[in-house]
Amino acid sequence: MELLKEARATQEVAELRYKRGLVGYLSVLDAQQARYEAEENLVLVELSLLTNRVSLHRALGGGWGEPTNGPGDIGKDPKP
Protein backbone atom coordinates (compact mmCIF):
# COMPACT_ATOMS: atom_id res chain seq x y z
CA MET A 1 0.00 0.00 0.00
CA GLU A 2 2.84 2.33 0.86
CA LEU A 3 4.55 1.58 -2.44
CA LEU A 4 1.39 2.59 -4.28
CA LYS A 5 1.23 5.91 -2.40
CA GLU A 6 4.84 6.60 -3.31
CA ALA A 7 4.22 5.70 -6.96
CA ARG A 8 1.25 8.08 -7.11
CA ALA A 9 3.29 10.87 -5.56
CA THR A 10 6.13 10.23 -8.00
CA GLN A 11 3.71 10.43 -10.91
CA GLU A 12 2.30 13.73 -9.64
CA VAL A 13 5.80 15.17 -9.32
CA ALA A 14 6.71 13.98 -12.82
CA GLU A 15 3.56 15.60 -14.24
CA LEU A 16 4.31 18.90 -12.49
CA ARG A 17 7.90 18.86 -13.71
CA TYR A 18 6.69 18.14 -17.24
CA LYS A 19 4.21 21.03 -17.12
CA ARG A 20 7.02 23.34 -16.04
CA GLY A 21 9.21 22.14 -18.87
CA LEU A 22 11.83 20.56 -16.63
CA VAL A 23 11.56 17.01 -18.00
CA GLY A 24 10.31 15.27 -21.09
CA TYR A 25 7.07 13.32 -21.28
CA LEU A 26 8.98 10.06 -21.09
CA SER A 27 9.52 10.76 -17.37
CA VAL A 28 5.75 11.03 -16.92
CA LEU A 29 5.22 7.77 -18.78
CA ASP A 30 7.86 6.00 -16.68
CA ALA A 31 6.23 7.22 -13.46
CA GLN A 32 2.82 6.20 -14.78
CA GLN A 33 4.08 2.73 -15.61
CA ALA A 34 5.56 2.35 -12.11
CA ARG A 35 2.21 3.36 -10.61
CA TYR A 36 0.32 0.84 -12.75
CA GLU A 37 2.75 -1.90 -11.73
CA ALA A 38 2.25 -1.02 -8.05
CA GLU A 39 -1.54 -1.13 -8.53
CA GLU A 40 -1.30 -4.49 -10.28
CA ASN A 41 0.88 -5.90 -7.49
CA LEU A 42 -1.65 -4.76 -4.89
CA VAL A 43 -4.48 -6.45 -6.79
CA LEU A 44 -2.44 -9.66 -7.05
CA VAL A 45 -1.75 -9.63 -3.31
CA GLU A 46 -5.45 -9.10 -2.56
CA LEU A 47 -6.35 -11.94 -4.94
CA SER A 48 -3.85 -14.21 -3.21
CA LEU A 49 -5.32 -13.38 0.20
CA LEU A 50 -8.85 -14.14 -0.95
CA THR A 51 -7.77 -17.36 -2.64
CA ASN A 52 -5.99 -18.46 0.53
CA ARG A 53 -9.08 -17.70 2.62
CA VAL A 54 -11.22 -19.87 0.37
CA SER A 55 -8.63 -22.66 0.46
CA LEU A 56 -8.50 -22.54 4.26
CA HIS A 57 -12.29 -22.53 4.51
CA ARG A 58 -12.57 -25.56 2.25
CA ALA A 59 -9.69 -27.37 4.00
CA LEU A 60 -11.50 -26.94 7.31
CA GLY A 61 -14.58 -28.61 5.84
CA GLY A 62 -16.43 -25.59 4.55
CA GLY A 63 -18.34 -25.69 1.33
CA TRP A 64 -20.58 -23.61 -0.86
CA GLY A 65 -23.93 -24.96 0.37
CA GLU A 66 -26.09 -24.09 3.35
CA PRO A 67 -24.33 -24.10 6.73
CA THR A 68 -24.49 -27.38 8.61
CA ASN A 69 -24.55 -28.02 12.32
CA GLY A 70 -21.47 -26.75 14.11
CA PRO A 71 -19.52 -28.58 16.83
CA GLY A 72 -21.86 -27.27 19.54
CA ASP A 73 -24.89 -28.64 17.71
CA ILE A 74 -23.97 -32.34 17.92
CA GLY A 75 -27.05 -34.41 18.63
CA LYS A 76 -29.49 -31.60 17.85
CA ASP A 77 -31.92 -31.72 14.99
CA PRO A 78 -30.90 -29.59 11.99
CA LYS A 79 -32.94 -26.50 11.32
CA PRO A 80 -35.89 -27.11 8.98
PDB file of N, CA and C in Angstrom:
ATOM      1  N   MET A   1       0.830  -1.179   0.000  1.00  0.00           N
ATOM      2  CA  MET A   1       0.000   0.000   0.000  1.00  0.00           C
ATOM      3  C   MET A   1       0.882   1.254   0.000  1.00  0.00           C
ATOM      4  N   GLU A   2       1.938   1.185   0.780  1.00  0.00           N
ATOM      5  CA  GLU A   2       2.843   2.330   0.861  1.00  0.00           C
ATOM      6  C   GLU A   2       3.544   2.559  -0.478  1.00  0.00           C
ATOM      7  N   LEU A   3       3.895   1.474  -1.135  1.00  0.00           N
ATOM      8  CA  LEU A   3       4.547   1.576  -2.439  1.00  0.00           C
ATOM      9  C   LEU A   3       3.636   2.263  -3.446  1.00  0.00           C
ATOM     10  N   LEU A   4       2.348   1.972  -3.376  1.00  0.00           N
ATOM     11  CA  LEU A   4       1.385   2.593  -4.284  1.00  0.00           C
ATOM     12  C   LEU A   4       1.282   4.090  -4.014  1.00  0.00           C
ATOM     13  N   LYS A   5       1.273   4.486  -2.747  1.00  0.00           N
ATOM     14  CA  LYS A   5       1.228   5.914  -2.405  1.00  0.00           C
ATOM     15  C   LYS A   5       2.452   6.638  -2.952  1.00  0.00           C
ATOM     16  N   GLU A   6       3.607   6.004  -2.802  1.00  0.00           N
ATOM     17  CA  GLU A   6       4.840   6.602  -3.315  1.00  0.00           C
ATOM     18  C   GLU A   6       4.812   6.702  -4.838  1.00  0.00           C
ATOM     19  N   ALA A   7       4.293   5.687  -5.495  1.00  0.00           N
ATOM     20  CA  ALA A   7       4.222   5.701  -6.960  1.00  0.00           C
ATOM     21  C   ALA A   7       3.284   6.801  -7.447  1.00  0.00           C
ATOM     22  N   ARG A   8       2.172   6.997  -6.743  1.00  0.00           N
ATOM     23  CA  ARG A   8       1.249   8.077  -7.113  1.00  0.00           C
ATOM     24  C   ARG A   8       1.905   9.438  -6.927  1.00  0.00           C
ATOM     25  N   ALA A   9       2.613   9.601  -5.817  1.00  0.00           N
ATOM     26  CA  ALA A   9       3.291  10.873  -5.557  1.00  0.00           C
ATOM     27  C   ALA A   9       4.366  11.130  -6.609  1.00  0.00           C
ATOM     28  N   THR A  10       5.090  10.092  -6.978  1.00  0.00           N
ATOM     29  CA  THR A  10       6.125  10.228  -8.002  1.00  0.00           C
ATOM     30  C   THR A  10       5.516  10.634  -9.335  1.00  0.00           C
ATOM     31  N   GLN A  11       4.374  10.062  -9.666  1.00  0.00           N
ATOM     32  CA  GLN A  11       3.709  10.425 -10.914  1.00  0.00           C
ATOM     33  C   GLN A  11       3.273  11.886 -10.885  1.00  0.00           C
ATOM     34  N   GLU A  12       2.726  12.330  -9.759  1.00  0.00           N
ATOM     35  CA  GLU A  12       2.302  13.729  -9.645  1.00  0.00           C
ATOM     36  C   GLU A  12       3.485  14.673  -9.812  1.00  0.00           C
ATOM     37  N   VAL A  13       4.605  14.338  -9.199  1.00  0.00           N
ATOM     38  CA  VAL A  13       5.804  15.172  -9.322  1.00  0.00           C
ATOM     39  C   VAL A  13       6.277  15.199 -10.769  1.00  0.00           C
ATOM     40  N   ALA A  14       6.279  14.049 -11.416  1.00  0.00           N
ATOM     41  CA  ALA A  14       6.710  13.983 -12.817  1.00  0.00           C
ATOM     42  C   ALA A  14       5.804  14.828 -13.705  1.00  0.00           C
ATOM     43  N   GLU A  15       4.490  14.788 -13.446  1.00  0.00           N
ATOM     44  CA  GLU A  15       3.560  15.597 -14.239  1.00  0.00           C
ATOM     45  C   GLU A  15       3.791  17.087 -14.014  1.00  0.00           C
ATOM     46  N   LEU A  16       4.025  17.483 -12.774  1.00  0.00           N
ATOM     47  CA  LEU A  16       4.309  18.896 -12.486  1.00  0.00           C
ATOM     48  C   LEU A  16       5.603  19.344 -13.158  1.00  0.00           C
ATOM     49  N   ARG A  17       6.622  18.510 -13.080  1.00  0.00           N
ATOM     50  CA  ARG A  17       7.902  18.860 -13.706  1.00  0.00           C
ATOM     51  C   ARG A  17       7.760  18.953 -15.222  1.00  0.00           C
ATOM     52  N   TYR A  18       6.930  18.090 -15.799  1.00  0.00           N
ATOM     53  CA  TYR A  18       6.691  18.144 -17.244  1.00  0.00           C
ATOM     54  C   TYR A  18       5.976  19.441 -17.617  1.00  0.00           C
ATOM     55  N   LYS A  19       4.961  19.809 -16.839  1.00  0.00           N
ATOM     56  CA  LYS A  19       4.206  21.034 -17.120  1.00  0.00           C
ATOM     57  C   LYS A  19       5.083  22.272 -17.026  1.00  0.00           C
ATOM     58  N   ARG A  20       6.101  22.208 -16.184  1.00  0.00           N
ATOM     59  CA  ARG A  20       7.020  23.344 -16.037  1.00  0.00           C
ATOM     60  C   ARG A  20       8.165  23.294 -17.041  1.00  0.00           C
ATOM     61  N   GLY A  21       8.188  22.247 -17.840  1.00  0.00           N
ATOM     62  CA  GLY A  21       9.208  22.137 -18.869  1.00  0.00           C
ATOM     63  C   GLY A  21      10.551  21.637 -18.366  1.00  0.00           C
ATOM     64  N   LEU A  22      10.570  21.014 -17.211  1.00  0.00           N
ATOM     65  CA  LEU A  22      11.830  20.562 -16.628  1.00  0.00           C
ATOM     66  C   LEU A  22      12.240  19.173 -17.108  1.00  0.00           C
ATOM     67  N   VAL A  23      11.266  18.369 -17.517  1.00  0.00           N
ATOM     68  CA  VAL A  23      11.564  17.013 -18.000  1.00  0.00           C
ATOM     69  C   VAL A  23      10.705  16.722 -19.224  1.00  0.00           C
ATOM     70  N   GLY A  24      11.091  15.697 -19.944  1.00  0.00           N
ATOM     71  CA  GLY A  24      10.307  15.269 -21.094  1.00  0.00           C
ATOM     72  C   GLY A  24       9.142  14.390 -20.657  1.00  0.00           C
ATOM     73  N   TYR A  25       8.261  14.103 -21.609  1.00  0.00           N
ATOM     74  CA  TYR A  25       7.067  13.325 -21.280  1.00  0.00           C
ATOM     75  C   TYR A  25       7.404  11.872 -20.960  1.00  0.00           C
ATOM     76  N   LEU A  26       8.565  11.424 -21.390  1.00  0.00           N
ATOM     77  CA  LEU A  26       8.981  10.059 -21.088  1.00  0.00           C
ATOM     78  C   LEU A  26       9.072   9.836 -19.575  1.00  0.00           C
ATOM     79  N   SER A  27       9.467  10.862 -18.838  1.00  0.00           N
ATOM     80  CA  SER A  27       9.521  10.762 -17.373  1.00  0.00           C
ATOM     81  C   SER A  27       8.128  10.544 -16.793  1.00  0.00           C
ATOM     82  N   VAL A  28       7.139  11.211 -17.372  1.00  0.00           N
ATOM     83  CA  VAL A  28       5.752  11.034 -16.924  1.00  0.00           C
ATOM     84  C   VAL A  28       5.299   9.613 -17.220  1.00  0.00           C
ATOM     85  N   LEU A  29       5.618   9.128 -18.402  1.00  0.00           N
ATOM     86  CA  LEU A  29       5.223   7.767 -18.776  1.00  0.00           C
ATOM     87  C   LEU A  29       5.892   6.716 -17.893  1.00  0.00           C
ATOM     88  N   ASP A  30       7.165   6.937 -17.570  1.00  0.00           N
ATOM     89  CA  ASP A  30       7.864   6.004 -16.677  1.00  0.00           C
ATOM     90  C   ASP A  30       7.212   5.973 -15.299  1.00  0.00           C
ATOM     91  N   ALA A  31       6.872   7.146 -14.772  1.00  0.00           N
ATOM     92  CA  ALA A  31       6.225   7.222 -13.458  1.00  0.00           C
ATOM     93  C   ALA A  31       4.841   6.583 -13.506  1.00  0.00           C
ATOM     94  N   GLN A  32       4.151   6.793 -14.609  1.00  0.00           N
ATOM     95  CA  GLN A  32       2.818   6.202 -14.779  1.00  0.00           C
ATOM     96  C   GLN A  32       2.912   4.674 -14.826  1.00  0.00           C
ATOM     97  N   GLN A  33       3.896   4.170 -15.525  1.00  0.00           N
ATOM     98  CA  GLN A  33       4.083   2.727 -15.613  1.00  0.00           C
ATOM     99  C   GLN A  33       4.401   2.143 -14.237  1.00  0.00           C
ATOM    100  N   ALA A  34       5.225   2.824 -13.460  1.00  0.00           N
ATOM    101  CA  ALA A  34       5.557   2.351 -12.114  1.00  0.00           C
ATOM    102  C   ALA A  34       4.307   2.323 -11.234  1.00  0.00           C
ATOM    103  N   ARG A  35       3.453   3.331 -11.385  1.00  0.00           N
ATOM    104  CA  ARG A  35       2.206   3.364 -10.612  1.00  0.00           C
ATOM    105  C   ARG A  35       1.299   2.198 -10.998  1.00  0.00           C
ATOM    106  N   TYR A  36       1.168   1.944 -12.294  1.00  0.00           N
ATOM    107  CA  TYR A  36       0.316   0.844 -12.746  1.00  0.00           C
ATOM    108  C   TYR A  36       0.847  -0.502 -12.252  1.00  0.00           C
ATOM    109  N   GLU A  37       2.159  -0.656 -12.231  1.00  0.00           N
ATOM    110  CA  GLU A  37       2.750  -1.896 -11.729  1.00  0.00           C
ATOM    111  C   GLU A  37       2.467  -2.057 -10.238  1.00  0.00           C
ATOM    112  N   ALA A  38       2.545  -0.962  -9.481  1.00  0.00           N
ATOM    113  CA  ALA A  38       2.245  -1.018  -8.047  1.00  0.00           C
ATOM    114  C   ALA A  38       0.776  -1.375  -7.822  1.00  0.00           C
ATOM    115  N   GLU A  39      -0.114  -0.801  -8.639  1.00  0.00           N
ATOM    116  CA  GLU A  39      -1.539  -1.127  -8.525  1.00  0.00           C
ATOM    117  C   GLU A  39      -1.788  -2.598  -8.857  1.00  0.00           C
ATOM    118  N   GLU A  40      -1.132  -3.087  -9.892  1.00  0.00           N
ATOM    119  CA  GLU A  40      -1.298  -4.488 -10.280  1.00  0.00           C
ATOM    120  C   GLU A  40      -0.799  -5.415  -9.170  1.00  0.00           C
ATOM    121  N   ASN A  41       0.343  -5.080  -8.578  1.00  0.00           N
ATOM    122  CA  ASN A  41       0.877  -5.903  -7.492  1.00  0.00           C
ATOM    123  C   ASN A  41      -0.075  -5.937  -6.305  1.00  0.00           C
ATOM    124  N   LEU A  42      -0.694  -4.802  -5.993  1.00  0.00           N
ATOM    125  CA  LEU A  42      -1.649  -4.758  -4.890  1.00  0.00           C
ATOM    126  C   LEU A  42      -2.854  -5.651  -5.183  1.00  0.00           C
ATOM    127  N   VAL A  43      -3.345  -5.600  -6.398  1.00  0.00           N
ATOM    128  CA  VAL A  43      -4.479  -6.446  -6.790  1.00  0.00           C
ATOM    129  C   VAL A  43      -4.093  -7.926  -6.698  1.00  0.00           C
ATOM    130  N   LEU A  44      -2.888  -8.265  -7.117  1.00  0.00           N
ATOM    131  CA  LEU A  44      -2.444  -9.657  -7.054  1.00  0.00           C
ATOM    132  C   LEU A  44      -2.314 -10.140  -5.612  1.00  0.00           C
ATOM    133  N   VAL A  45      -1.850  -9.271  -4.726  1.00  0.00           N
ATOM    134  CA  VAL A  45      -1.751  -9.634  -3.308  1.00  0.00           C
ATOM    135  C   VAL A  45      -3.142  -9.846  -2.725  1.00  0.00           C
ATOM    136  N   GLU A  46      -4.081  -8.954  -3.054  1.00  0.00           N
ATOM    137  CA  GLU A  46      -5.450  -9.104  -2.558  1.00  0.00           C
ATOM    138  C   GLU A  46      -6.088 -10.386  -3.094  1.00  0.00           C
ATOM    139  N   LEU A  47      -5.842 -10.698  -4.350  1.00  0.00           N
ATOM    140  CA  LEU A  47      -6.351 -11.942  -4.938  1.00  0.00           C
ATOM    141  C   LEU A  47      -5.782 -13.151  -4.210  1.00  0.00           C
ATOM    142  N   SER A  48      -4.496 -13.111  -3.925  1.00  0.00           N
ATOM    143  CA  SER A  48      -3.854 -14.209  -3.214  1.00  0.00           C
ATOM    144  C   SER A  48      -4.454 -14.389  -1.822  1.00  0.00           C
ATOM    145  N   LEU A  49      -4.704 -13.292  -1.124  1.00  0.00           N
ATOM    146  CA  LEU A  49      -5.317 -13.376   0.203  1.00  0.00           C
ATOM    147  C   LEU A  49      -6.700 -14.014   0.136  1.00  0.00           C
ATOM    148  N   LEU A  50      -7.502 -13.585  -0.819  1.00  0.00           N
ATOM    149  CA  LEU A  50      -8.847 -14.143  -0.951  1.00  0.00           C
ATOM    150  C   LEU A  50      -8.809 -15.619  -1.339  1.00  0.00           C
ATOM    151  N   THR A  51      -7.918 -15.971  -2.233  1.00  0.00           N
ATOM    152  CA  THR A  51      -7.774 -17.365  -2.640  1.00  0.00           C
ATOM    153  C   THR A  51      -7.358 -18.231  -1.454  1.00  0.00           C
ATOM    154  N   ASN A  52      -6.431 -17.711  -0.649  1.00  0.00           N
ATOM    155  CA  ASN A  52      -5.990 -18.461   0.530  1.00  0.00           C
ATOM    156  C   ASN A  52      -7.107 -18.610   1.554  1.00  0.00           C
ATOM    157  N   ARG A  53      -7.941 -17.602   1.701  1.00  0.00           N
ATOM    158  CA  ARG A  53      -9.076 -17.705   2.624  1.00  0.00           C
ATOM    159  C   ARG A  53     -10.037 -18.807   2.187  1.00  0.00           C
ATOM    160  N   VAL A  54     -10.323 -18.842   0.898  1.00  0.00           N
ATOM    161  CA  VAL A  54     -11.223 -19.872   0.374  1.00  0.00           C
ATOM    162  C   VAL A  54     -10.599 -21.251   0.565  1.00  0.00           C
ATOM    163  N   SER A  55      -9.311 -21.372   0.290  1.00  0.00           N
ATOM    164  CA  SER A  55      -8.632 -22.663   0.459  1.00  0.00           C
ATOM    165  C   SER A  55      -8.674 -23.113   1.910  1.00  0.00           C
ATOM    166  N   LEU A  56      -8.443 -22.204   2.833  1.00  0.00           N
ATOM    167  CA  LEU A  56      -8.498 -22.540   4.255  1.00  0.00           C
ATOM    168  C   LEU A  56      -9.909 -22.958   4.655  1.00  0.00           C
ATOM    169  N   HIS A  57     -10.890 -22.215   4.205  1.00  0.00           N
ATOM    170  CA  HIS A  57     -12.286 -22.530   4.513  1.00  0.00           C
ATOM    171  C   HIS A  57     -12.638 -23.934   4.034  1.00  0.00           C
ATOM    172  N   ARG A  58     -12.249 -24.242   2.818  1.00  0.00           N
ATOM    173  CA  ARG A  58     -12.567 -25.558   2.253  1.00  0.00           C
ATOM    174  C   ARG A  58     -11.769 -26.660   2.941  1.00  0.00           C
ATOM    175  N   ALA A  59     -10.506 -26.364   3.315  1.00  0.00           N
ATOM    176  CA  ALA A  59      -9.687 -27.365   4.004  1.00  0.00           C
ATOM    177  C   ALA A  59     -10.252 -27.691   5.382  1.00  0.00           C
ATOM    178  N   LEU A  60     -10.909 -26.728   5.993  1.00  0.00           N
ATOM    179  CA  LEU A  60     -11.505 -26.943   7.309  1.00  0.00           C
ATOM    180  C   LEU A  60     -12.900 -27.556   7.215  1.00  0.00           C
ATOM    181  N   GLY A  61     -13.307 -27.924   6.013  1.00  0.00           N
ATOM    182  CA  GLY A  61     -14.582 -28.607   5.841  1.00  0.00           C
ATOM    183  C   GLY A  61     -15.699 -27.721   5.348  1.00  0.00           C
ATOM    184  N   GLY A  62     -15.402 -26.497   5.053  1.00  0.00           N
ATOM    185  CA  GLY A  62     -16.430 -25.591   4.547  1.00  0.00           C
ATOM    186  C   GLY A  62     -16.774 -25.913   3.111  1.00  0.00           C
ATOM    187  N   GLY A  63     -17.915 -25.463   2.703  1.00  0.00           N
ATOM    188  CA  GLY A  63     -18.340 -25.689   1.332  1.00  0.00           C
ATOM    189  C   GLY A  63     -19.133 -24.503   0.838  1.00  0.00           C
ATOM    190  N   TRP A  64     -19.829 -24.703  -0.250  1.00  0.00           N
ATOM    191  CA  TRP A  64     -20.582 -23.615  -0.858  1.00  0.00           C
ATOM    192  C   TRP A  64     -22.062 -23.677  -0.512  1.00  0.00           C
ATOM    193  N   GLY A  65     -22.511 -24.773   0.087  1.00  0.00           N
ATOM    194  CA  GLY A  65     -23.928 -24.958   0.371  1.00  0.00           C
ATOM    195  C   GLY A  65     -24.355 -24.253   1.650  1.00  0.00           C
ATOM    196  N   GLU A  66     -25.540 -24.641   2.105  1.00  0.00           N
ATOM    197  CA  GLU A  66     -26.086 -24.094   3.345  1.00  0.00           C
ATOM    198  C   GLU A  66     -25.226 -24.534   4.521  1.00  0.00           C
ATOM    199  N   PRO A  67     -25.118 -23.702   5.561  1.00  0.00           N
ATOM    200  CA  PRO A  67     -24.328 -24.095   6.726  1.00  0.00           C
ATOM    201  C   PRO A  67     -24.921 -25.334   7.395  1.00  0.00           C
ATOM    202  N   THR A  68     -24.057 -26.182   7.898  1.00  0.00           N
ATOM    203  CA  THR A  68     -24.488 -27.381   8.611  1.00  0.00           C
ATOM    204  C   THR A  68     -24.335 -27.148  10.104  1.00  0.00           C
ATOM    205  N   ASN A  69     -24.707 -28.135  10.878  1.00  0.00           N
ATOM    206  CA  ASN A  69     -24.550 -28.018  12.324  1.00  0.00           C
ATOM    207  C   ASN A  69     -23.081 -27.832  12.675  1.00  0.00           C
ATOM    208  N   GLY A  70     -22.823 -26.965  13.638  1.00  0.00           N
ATOM    209  CA  GLY A  70     -21.471 -26.750  14.114  1.00  0.00           C
ATOM    210  C   GLY A  70     -21.139 -27.718  15.226  1.00  0.00           C
ATOM    211  N   PRO A  71     -19.929 -27.654  15.781  1.00  0.00           N
ATOM    212  CA  PRO A  71     -19.516 -28.578  16.832  1.00  0.00           C
ATOM    213  C   PRO A  71     -20.429 -28.533  18.055  1.00  0.00           C
ATOM    214  N   GLY A  72     -20.985 -27.387  18.390  1.00  0.00           N
ATOM    215  CA  GLY A  72     -21.861 -27.266  19.543  1.00  0.00           C
ATOM    216  C   GLY A  72     -23.252 -27.807  19.297  1.00  0.00           C
ATOM    217  N   ASP A  73     -23.547 -28.175  18.063  1.00  0.00           N
ATOM    218  CA  ASP A  73     -24.889 -28.641  17.708  1.00  0.00           C
ATOM    219  C   ASP A  73     -24.973 -30.158  17.577  1.00  0.00           C
ATOM    220  N   ILE A  74     -23.971 -30.877  18.052  1.00  0.00           N
ATOM    221  CA  ILE A  74     -23.966 -32.338  17.918  1.00  0.00           C
ATOM    222  C   ILE A  74     -25.154 -32.921  18.676  1.00  0.00           C
ATOM    223  N   GLY A  75     -25.897 -33.767  18.016  1.00  0.00           N
ATOM    224  CA  GLY A  75     -27.047 -34.412  18.626  1.00  0.00           C
ATOM    225  C   GLY A  75     -28.339 -33.625  18.504  1.00  0.00           C
ATOM    226  N   LYS A  76     -28.273 -32.413  18.031  1.00  0.00           N
ATOM    227  CA  LYS A  76     -29.487 -31.605  17.855  1.00  0.00           C
ATOM    228  C   LYS A  76     -30.024 -31.817  16.453  1.00  0.00           C
ATOM    229  N   ASP A  77     -31.308 -31.613  16.305  1.00  0.00           N
ATOM    230  CA  ASP A  77     -31.918 -31.717  14.985  1.00  0.00           C
ATOM    231  C   ASP A  77     -31.504 -30.515  14.149  1.00  0.00           C
ATOM    232  N   PRO A  78     -31.210 -30.732  12.863  1.00  0.00           N
ATOM    233  CA  PRO A  78     -30.898 -29.594  11.993  1.00  0.00           C
ATOM    234  C   PRO A  78     -32.116 -28.697  11.833  1.00  0.00           C
ATOM    235  N   LYS A  79     -31.845 -27.450  11.536  1.00  0.00           N
ATOM    236  CA  LYS A  79     -32.940 -26.495  11.325  1.00  0.00           C
ATOM    237  C   LYS A  79     -33.729 -26.901  10.094  1.00  0.00           C
ATOM    238  N   PRO A  80     -35.069 -26.731  10.144  1.00  0.00           N
ATOM    239  CA  PRO A  80     -35.894 -27.110   8.982  1.00  0.00           C
ATOM    240  C   PRO A  80     -35.632 -26.224   7.788  1.00  0.00           C
TER     241      PRO A  80
END
